[in-house]
Amino acid sequence: MGIVRTAYITHPACRLHDTGPTHPECAGRLFAIEDQFIASGLRDTLLHVDAPEVTAEQLLRVHTLGHIETVSAAIPDSGYARLDPDTVVSPSSLVAAYRAAGAVVTAVDLVMAGEMDSAFCAVRPPGHHAERNRAMGFCLFNNIAVGAAHALEAHGLGKVAILDFDVHQGNGTEEIFDDDDRVLFCSTFQHPFFPFTPVPPNNANRVNVPLEATATGEEFRAAVTDHWIPAIERFEPDMIFVSAGFDAHVADDMSMVSLTDADYRWVAEQIVAVASGSASGRIVSSLEGGYETNSLARCVEAHIRVLMGM
């Protein structure tokens, strides 16, 4: 894979989603990533792509019209509003959410056109908690689900896999694709922990591996090696999507799981390796959690370097 074959997709609107001065899901996350790229020299090697706004048709593949209208109606003319105790919106939040979901759609289009081998979407608000008819957990629309549905419906792929290593269970993604046998959902997460939804039994299309709060890289790597990889190889997806949350890092006080920079680079390497099979290297990754900005920025850089073959 050549180093110019990974797209970096974002948009300035994603920085304008203002959640308030003390909210952990803040614009400083994206600024930290950009500063890391400049300091490391990675910025000049990336192909930068501006994310377009998602269309109503694309959103409606995974969300109800009622949900879209509810989110839109909640956006205040000034100040802040809450969709739930954790999910804050402000005047620019809706456009940011449209761009965040649109980024993953564009990533799919670029990869399917053969212009890119892979893509990383540096966007906010994140998405994996958003259910078909509910915003929650900082998430308005389910960005990765919108992209996966686009790959299936617009590009006619037969099967896709979604891999979620955020420290919080990707309940929204799981709910949206629960009855869709074209989608394999693999997840690791601290349990019990937010969003406190039941963990259903695993099957051919669902591989949940809950982690104890005391888990370290050893348990995480075993979950990926023993559970994710065999399931992906059996499923043979045509494209792999990644809900890339970095909030299980030992420096991030959002959780008690203790992963390191090396663990995040390692899991990216495993994803790239397994994607070289039936998926022909096609990977679309999108930012989810990660709230300690120094570790977040380093781990995103490592993640992208692996996607680029560096």
Protein backbone atom coordinates (compact mmCIF):
# COMPACT_ATOMS: atom_id res chain seq x y z
CA MET A 1 0.00 0.00 0.00
CA GLY A 2 1.50 3.36 -1.01
CA ILE A 3 1.64 6.13 1.54
CA VAL A 4 -0.49 8.44 -0.62
CA ARG A 5 -3.37 5.98 -0.71
CA THR A 6 -5.01 6.86 2.61
CA ALA A 7 -7.44 9.78 2.67
CA TYR A 8 -7.76 12.04 5.72
CA ILE A 9 -11.32 13.34 5.72
CA THR A 10 -12.53 16.13 7.98
CA HIS A 11 -14.14 19.56 7.84
CA PRO A 12 -13.79 22.82 9.79
CA ALA A 13 -17.49 22.59 10.68
CA CYS A 14 -16.68 19.65 12.97
CA ARG A 15 -14.70 22.02 15.20
CA LEU A 16 -17.72 24.33 15.53
CA HIS A 17 -19.85 21.74 17.34
CA ASP A 18 -19.68 23.53 20.70
CA THR A 19 -20.53 21.34 23.69
CA GLY A 20 -19.58 23.82 26.39
CA PRO A 21 -16.39 24.69 28.28
CA THR A 22 -16.18 21.54 30.42
CA HIS A 23 -17.56 18.85 28.11
CA PRO A 24 -15.02 16.10 27.30
CA GLU A 25 -16.19 15.76 23.68
CA CYS A 26 -14.77 19.09 22.55
CA ALA A 27 -13.14 20.74 19.54
CA GLY A 28 -9.77 20.51 21.27
CA ARG A 29 -9.70 16.84 20.30
CA LEU A 30 -9.45 17.68 16.59
CA PHE A 31 -7.00 20.53 17.19
CA ALA A 32 -4.74 18.15 19.14
CA ILE A 33 -4.75 15.65 16.28
CA GLU A 34 -3.86 18.35 13.77
CA ASP A 35 -1.07 19.68 15.99
CA GLN A 36 0.33 16.15 16.30
CA PHE A 37 0.36 15.75 12.53
CA ILE A 38 2.25 19.02 12.10
CA ALA A 39 4.79 18.20 14.80
CA SER A 40 5.41 14.70 13.43
CA GLY A 41 5.58 15.70 9.78
CA LEU A 42 2.62 13.47 8.90
CA ARG A 43 0.44 16.37 7.80
CA ASP A 44 2.32 16.89 4.53
CA THR A 45 1.98 13.23 3.51
CA LEU A 46 -1.79 13.01 3.95
CA LEU A 47 -4.37 13.47 1.23
CA HIS A 48 -6.79 15.95 2.82
CA VAL A 49 -10.42 15.77 1.75
CA ASP A 50 -13.22 18.07 2.89
CA ALA A 51 -16.26 16.17 4.08
CA PRO A 52 -19.54 17.04 2.33
CA GLU A 53 -22.86 17.10 4.13
CA VAL A 54 -24.68 13.80 4.25
CA THR A 55 -27.91 13.60 2.26
CA ALA A 56 -31.34 12.78 3.65
CA GLU A 57 -31.38 9.59 1.57
CA GLN A 58 -28.11 8.45 3.12
CA LEU A 59 -29.27 9.19 6.68
CA LEU A 60 -32.61 7.48 6.17
CA ARG A 61 -30.92 4.16 5.46
CA VAL A 62 -30.12 3.88 9.17
CA HIS A 63 -32.25 6.49 10.98
CA THR A 64 -35.96 7.22 11.07
CA LEU A 65 -37.31 10.47 9.69
CA GLY A 66 -38.60 11.19 13.18
CA HIS A 67 -35.10 10.94 14.60
CA ILE A 68 -33.66 13.32 12.02
CA GLU A 69 -36.47 15.82 12.66
CA THR A 70 -36.04 15.54 16.44
CA VAL A 71 -32.32 16.29 16.26
CA SER A 72 -32.90 19.18 13.87
CA ALA A 73 -35.63 20.69 16.05
CA ALA A 74 -33.42 20.48 19.15
CA ILE A 75 -30.71 22.77 17.75
CA PRO A 76 -30.89 26.13 19.57
CA ASP A 77 -30.51 29.53 17.94
CA SER A 78 -28.00 30.40 20.66
CA GLY A 79 -26.48 28.81 23.72
CA TYR A 80 -26.85 25.11 24.41
CA ALA A 81 -29.53 22.43 24.49
CA ARG A 82 -29.42 18.84 25.73
CA LEU A 83 -30.77 15.79 23.96
CA ASP A 84 -29.96 13.78 27.07
CA PRO A 85 -27.79 14.48 30.14
CA ASP A 86 -24.59 13.81 28.16
CA THR A 87 -25.45 14.97 24.64
CA VAL A 88 -25.15 18.72 24.18
CA VAL A 89 -25.94 20.67 21.01
CA SER A 90 -25.43 24.27 19.98
CA PRO A 91 -26.19 26.34 16.85
CA SER A 92 -23.53 24.71 14.65
CA SER A 93 -24.04 21.13 15.82
CA LEU A 94 -26.39 19.99 13.07
CA VAL A 95 -24.08 21.03 10.24
CA ALA A 96 -21.17 19.37 12.06
CA ALA A 97 -23.18 16.15 12.36
CA TYR A 98 -24.10 16.28 8.67
CA ARG A 99 -20.41 16.67 7.78
CA ALA A 100 -19.37 13.87 10.16
CA ALA A 101 -21.73 11.38 8.54
CA GLY A 102 -20.91 12.72 5.07
CA ALA A 103 -17.22 12.09 5.71
CA VAL A 104 -17.75 8.35 6.05
CA VAL A 105 -19.91 8.26 2.91
CA THR A 106 -17.16 10.05 0.98
CA ALA A 107 -14.58 7.65 2.40
CA VAL A 108 -16.57 4.74 1.02
CA ASP A 109 -16.89 6.39 -2.37
CA LEU A 110 -13.14 7.08 -2.59
CA VAL A 111 -12.20 3.54 -1.61
CA MET A 112 -14.77 1.91 -3.87
CA ALA A 113 -13.63 4.04 -6.81
CA GLY A 114 -10.10 2.74 -6.30
CA GLU A 115 -8.78 6.24 -5.65
CA MET A 116 -7.86 5.29 -2.08
CA ASP A 117 -7.06 2.03 -0.32
CA SER A 118 -8.29 3.33 3.00
CA ALA A 119 -9.54 6.45 4.76
CA PHE A 120 -9.66 7.97 8.22
CA CYS A 121 -12.44 10.38 9.15
CA ALA A 122 -11.43 12.89 11.84
CA VAL A 123 -14.90 14.06 12.72
CA ARG A 124 -17.17 15.04 15.56
CA PRO A 125 -19.73 14.55 16.91
CA PRO A 126 -18.95 10.84 17.14
CA GLY A 127 -21.60 8.32 16.17
CA HIS A 128 -21.58 4.77 17.50
CA HIS A 129 -24.06 5.32 20.35
CA ALA A 130 -26.73 6.85 18.07
CA GLU A 131 -29.53 4.35 17.56
CA ARG A 132 -32.00 4.26 14.71
CA ASN A 133 -34.38 6.54 16.58
CA ARG A 134 -32.32 8.04 19.42
CA ALA A 135 -29.33 10.32 19.93
CA MET A 136 -27.26 9.56 23.01
CA GLY A 137 -23.76 9.39 24.46
CA PHE A 138 -22.43 12.48 22.62
CA CYS A 139 -23.70 11.05 19.29
CA LEU A 140 -26.35 12.56 16.99
CA PHE A 141 -26.16 10.36 13.87
CA ASN A 142 -24.39 7.03 13.56
CA ASN A 143 -21.58 7.97 11.17
CA ILE A 144 -20.09 4.51 10.73
CA ALA A 145 -23.52 2.95 10.20
CA VAL A 146 -24.35 5.54 7.54
CA GLY A 147 -21.13 4.65 5.73
CA ALA A 148 -21.65 0.90 6.02
CA ALA A 149 -25.20 1.16 4.70
CA HIS A 150 -23.92 3.30 1.82
CA ALA A 151 -21.41 0.60 0.90
CA LEU A 152 -24.13 -2.03 0.92
CA GLU A 153 -26.92 -0.09 -0.80
CA ALA A 154 -25.18 2.36 -3.13
CA HIS A 155 -22.18 0.24 -4.05
CA GLY A 156 -23.81 -3.17 -3.86
CA LEU A 157 -21.31 -4.83 -1.55
CA GLY A 158 -22.46 -8.18 -0.26
CA LYS A 159 -21.00 -8.05 3.24
CA VAL A 160 -19.17 -5.58 5.49
CA ALA A 161 -17.58 -5.83 8.94
CA ILE A 162 -17.64 -3.11 11.59
CA LEU A 163 -14.92 -3.29 14.24
CA ASP A 164 -15.40 -1.14 17.34
CA PHE A 165 -12.63 -0.81 19.93
CA ASP A 166 -14.04 2.22 21.77
CA VAL A 167 -14.16 1.59 25.51
CA HIS A 168 -17.94 2.05 25.46
CA GLN A 169 -20.21 -0.51 23.83
CA GLY A 170 -21.33 0.59 20.36
CA ASN A 171 -24.97 0.04 21.19
CA GLY A 172 -26.26 2.19 18.34
CA THR A 173 -24.38 0.38 15.62
CA GLU A 174 -25.40 -2.95 17.08
CA GLU A 175 -29.07 -1.93 17.26
CA ILE A 176 -29.15 -0.59 13.70
CA PHE A 177 -27.70 -3.75 12.13
CA ASP A 178 -29.03 -6.32 14.60
CA ASP A 179 -31.15 -8.13 12.02
CA ASP A 180 -28.92 -7.58 8.98
CA ASP A 181 -26.90 -10.69 8.13
CA ARG A 182 -24.80 -8.66 5.66
CA VAL A 183 -23.04 -6.98 8.60
CA LEU A 184 -20.57 -8.48 11.07
CA PHE A 185 -20.20 -6.37 14.22
CA CYS A 186 -17.15 -7.00 16.43
CA SER A 187 -16.70 -5.00 19.61
CA THR A 188 -14.56 -4.77 22.73
CA PHE A 189 -15.65 -2.54 25.62
CA GLN A 190 -15.48 -2.13 29.37
CA HIS A 191 -18.38 -3.91 31.06
CA PRO A 192 -20.42 -3.10 33.03
CA PHE A 193 -20.15 0.51 31.89
CA PHE A 194 -21.97 3.16 29.87
CA PRO A 195 -24.34 2.79 28.02
CA PHE A 196 -25.38 -0.06 30.36
CA THR A 197 -27.31 -1.85 27.63
CA PRO A 198 -27.65 -5.65 27.78
CA VAL A 199 -24.91 -7.60 26.03
CA PRO A 200 -26.71 -10.08 23.75
CA PRO A 201 -25.23 -13.51 23.03
CA ASN A 202 -22.77 -13.73 20.17
CA ASN A 203 -23.72 -15.23 16.84
CA ALA A 204 -22.39 -15.37 13.28
CA ASN A 205 -22.95 -11.62 12.88
CA ARG A 206 -22.10 -10.34 16.37
CA VAL A 207 -18.90 -10.78 18.37
CA ASN A 208 -18.97 -8.82 21.61
CA VAL A 209 -16.02 -9.26 23.96
CA PRO A 210 -16.66 -7.41 27.24
CA LEU A 211 -13.56 -6.40 29.19
CA GLU A 212 -13.21 -6.08 32.94
CA ALA A 213 -12.39 -2.62 34.28
CA THR A 214 -8.96 -3.99 35.23
CA ALA A 215 -8.19 -5.11 31.67
CA THR A 216 -4.87 -4.26 30.05
CA GLY A 217 -3.43 -4.80 26.61
CA GLU A 218 -3.05 -8.51 27.29
CA GLU A 219 -6.81 -9.07 27.59
CA PHE A 220 -7.57 -6.71 24.72
CA ARG A 221 -5.14 -8.42 22.37
CA ALA A 222 -6.53 -11.83 23.32
CA ALA A 223 -10.05 -10.61 22.52
CA VAL A 224 -8.98 -9.50 19.06
CA THR A 225 -6.81 -12.53 18.32
CA ASP A 226 -9.12 -15.21 19.71
CA HIS A 227 -12.52 -13.77 18.81
CA TRP A 228 -12.45 -10.97 16.23
CA ILE A 229 -9.96 -12.32 13.71
CA PRO A 230 -11.47 -15.82 13.34
CA ALA A 231 -14.95 -14.31 12.97
CA ILE A 232 -13.78 -11.86 10.29
CA GLU A 233 -12.00 -14.60 8.38
CA ARG A 234 -15.12 -16.77 8.45
CA PHE A 235 -17.39 -13.90 7.43
CA GLU A 236 -15.20 -12.71 4.51
CA PRO A 237 -16.36 -9.08 4.35
CA ASP A 238 -15.93 -6.97 1.21
CA MET A 239 -14.95 -3.91 3.26
CA ILE A 240 -13.96 -3.27 6.86
CA PHE A 241 -15.21 -0.30 8.88
CA VAL A 242 -13.58 0.80 12.13
CA SER A 243 -15.19 2.72 14.96
CA ALA A 244 -11.89 4.04 16.25
CA GLY A 245 -12.31 5.09 19.86
CA PHE A 246 -9.13 5.69 21.88
CA ASP A 247 -10.71 6.20 25.32
CA ALA A 248 -9.50 2.88 26.75
CA HIS A 249 -6.02 4.44 26.95
CA VAL A 250 -4.40 4.31 30.37
CA ALA A 251 -4.05 8.12 30.33
CA ASP A 252 -7.75 8.67 29.60
CA ASP A 253 -9.85 8.96 32.74
CA MET A 254 -13.06 8.25 30.80
CA SER A 255 -12.58 4.57 31.68
CA MET A 256 -10.57 2.19 33.82
CA VAL A 257 -9.23 -0.06 31.05
CA SER A 258 -5.50 0.46 30.57
CA LEU A 259 -4.41 0.24 26.93
CA THR A 260 -1.25 1.88 25.62
CA ASP A 261 -0.07 3.51 22.41
CA ALA A 262 1.47 0.17 21.45
CA ASP A 263 -1.86 -1.63 21.86
CA TYR A 264 -3.59 0.79 19.50
CA ARG A 265 -0.89 0.46 16.88
CA TRP A 266 -1.07 -3.32 17.25
CA VAL A 267 -4.83 -3.50 16.68
CA ALA A 268 -4.50 -1.32 13.59
CA GLU A 269 -1.88 -3.76 12.28
CA GLN A 270 -4.25 -6.69 12.86
CA ILE A 271 -7.05 -4.89 11.04
CA VAL A 272 -4.84 -4.10 8.05
CA ALA A 273 -3.64 -7.70 7.94
CA VAL A 274 -7.12 -9.25 8.01
CA ALA A 275 -8.42 -6.66 5.52
CA SER A 276 -5.85 -7.88 2.99
CA GLY A 277 -8.01 -10.98 2.49
CA SER A 278 -11.59 -10.81 1.23
CA ALA A 279 -11.79 -7.03 1.74
CA SER A 280 -8.87 -6.45 -0.66
CA GLY A 281 -7.39 -3.95 1.81
CA ARG A 282 -10.47 -1.71 1.85
CA ILE A 283 -10.71 0.02 5.25
CA VAL A 284 -12.80 3.01 6.34
CA SER A 285 -12.08 4.22 9.86
CA SER A 286 -13.86 6.97 11.79
CA LEU A 287 -13.06 8.68 15.08
CA GLU A 288 -15.26 7.85 18.03
CA GLY A 289 -14.01 8.44 21.60
CA GLY A 290 -10.70 9.51 23.11
CA TYR A 291 -10.73 12.45 25.49
CA GLU A 292 -7.20 12.81 26.86
CA THR A 293 -5.93 14.85 23.96
CA ASN A 294 -2.23 13.96 24.10
CA SER A 295 -2.76 10.20 24.00
CA LEU A 296 -5.60 10.64 21.50
CA ALA A 297 -3.40 12.57 19.08
CA ARG A 298 -0.52 10.08 19.32
CA CYS A 299 -2.78 7.07 18.85
CA VAL A 300 -4.61 8.58 15.87
CA GLU A 301 -1.25 9.29 14.27
CA ALA A 302 -0.14 5.69 14.85
CA HIS A 303 -3.47 4.38 13.51
CA ILE A 304 -3.14 6.39 10.31
CA ARG A 305 0.50 5.47 9.83
CA VAL A 306 -0.46 1.80 9.92
CA LEU A 307 -3.24 2.41 7.39
CA MET A 308 -0.64 4.10 5.18
CA GLY A 309 1.75 1.19 5.47
CA MET A 310 4.29 3.20 7.47
